[in-house]
Amino acid sequence: MSLQTEPRTGGKAVALAKRDDDVVIVSAVRTALTKGGKGGFKDTYPEEFLAAVLREAYERVGLDPALIGDIAVGNVCPPGGGANMARMAGFSAGIPFTTPVSTINRQCSSGLAAVHQVVNQIRAGEIDIGIVHVHVLRAGMFPKGWSDKVLENKMAAECLTPMGITSENVAAKFGVTREMQDQFGALSMQKAVKAQKEGLWKDEILPVKVKWIDPKTKEAKDIVVAQDDGIRDGITTQVLGKLKPAFSASGTTTAGTSSQVSDGAAAVLLARRSVAKKLKLPILGKFLGAAAVGVPPEIMGVGPAFAIPAVLKKHGLTVHDIDLFEINEAFASQAVYSVHTLGINPKKVNPQGGAIAIGHPLGATGARQIVTGLARTKKTGEKLLVTSMCIGSGMGMASIIVNEQ
């Protein structure tokens, strides 16, 4: 495997240029992320918070929902494809029956893959406006059993490598030490604590009123979920250094350097620039492009180290052209490897914390990164945003977003 790229074409000036056939982002919103099966959304049906962000995405820009040409729903391992849930959420959000829906599962990049699907539909002229909403299901994560015949293939068998062990494989193969992982995990939490205290996510999070059952009293009550609940203050490298390895007795990956599995949803509304201008919709940014790549399954975490160069190469850019990186922190080991291997300035990576602190809502992460990254660029003036994540079974995906406000 090589990270070398061919000579550049395009470049920053081309990336920032505006054309009527660009695909632009006119709205982006998310719910808070809560502890998977334990937090604020533990008693909420996924279609409820799906419907909430879907409705908010078009209502906040005053768009007639009948103009939405298609809906793409990203999810991870949904039973039966999750089609009924996605369709029902659309109806509940006020989307007419004339708007079709599809679901897509590309593991942890399902959210970004769904965005890319809608982008390509707009570019192909099949639709003018599309919306993506993504989420995670807690149940039915995997089917029962596997084909013995298929598992005779070594690479196929390695697809079943537990995620925690892939982290250990990356750490061992590329020399990512326990101390490096603890430092990264503690910093992610500290950045998230600071961002939450300063209210930096207020504009991107849609408060959602839900039913919640007190685990002690079993009493049901209404609560408003308005902030991420997995963020913990007081986390230092020394604190994380006291944790035992989570996946292997001799390993280096702990609960403190692994992403939190979370409940939550995000929505991104996309349109052709000419249509957005005609309808007087706000243009938050431009979706420049995306790339998905394959890597060995047993070290799936290295995906961003190969997906990011792939998408940058397509557009004649380098890591030095990029102002902000939102790289999913599935594990500190793989995030550290990707950042160091690509020579990215660490200060540009997840400046408000990542999945270790905020949470990883599996199917929603790809869209959540766009929501968070774009919201930040509105405050800082940063122009070029790259989002990326590793993907279970050995893949990686990345996108480039241009801030236009």
Foldseek 3Di string as FASTA:
>chain_A
DDLDFDFFDADDVNLPDDDLQFKFFQFKAKAAWEFVCPGDCVPPDQLQQLLVQVLCRCVVQVHDLQQAAEEEEFEAQDVVQCQVSVLVSCVSNVRDPNYYYHYDYQWLQRQVVRVQVVRVCSSVVVHFKHKYKYWYDPPRNDDPDDDPVQCVDVLSVLLPPDPLQLLQVLCVVPVCALLLLLQQLLQLLVLQVVCVVVVLCQVRHDWDWDWDADPVPRDIDIDIRHHQDQRDPPRHSVNSVPFQADPDNPGRFGLSFAFRAITIMMMIMMGRNNVCVVVVRHGFWTFSDKDKFFFRQSNLLLALLRRVSVQCRVNRHALVLAQAEEEARRGSSSVVCSCVSRVHDVCRYSSNHHRSRRGRRTRHVNSVSVSSVSSVCVVVVGFKYKYKYGRRSGMIMMTIIGGDD
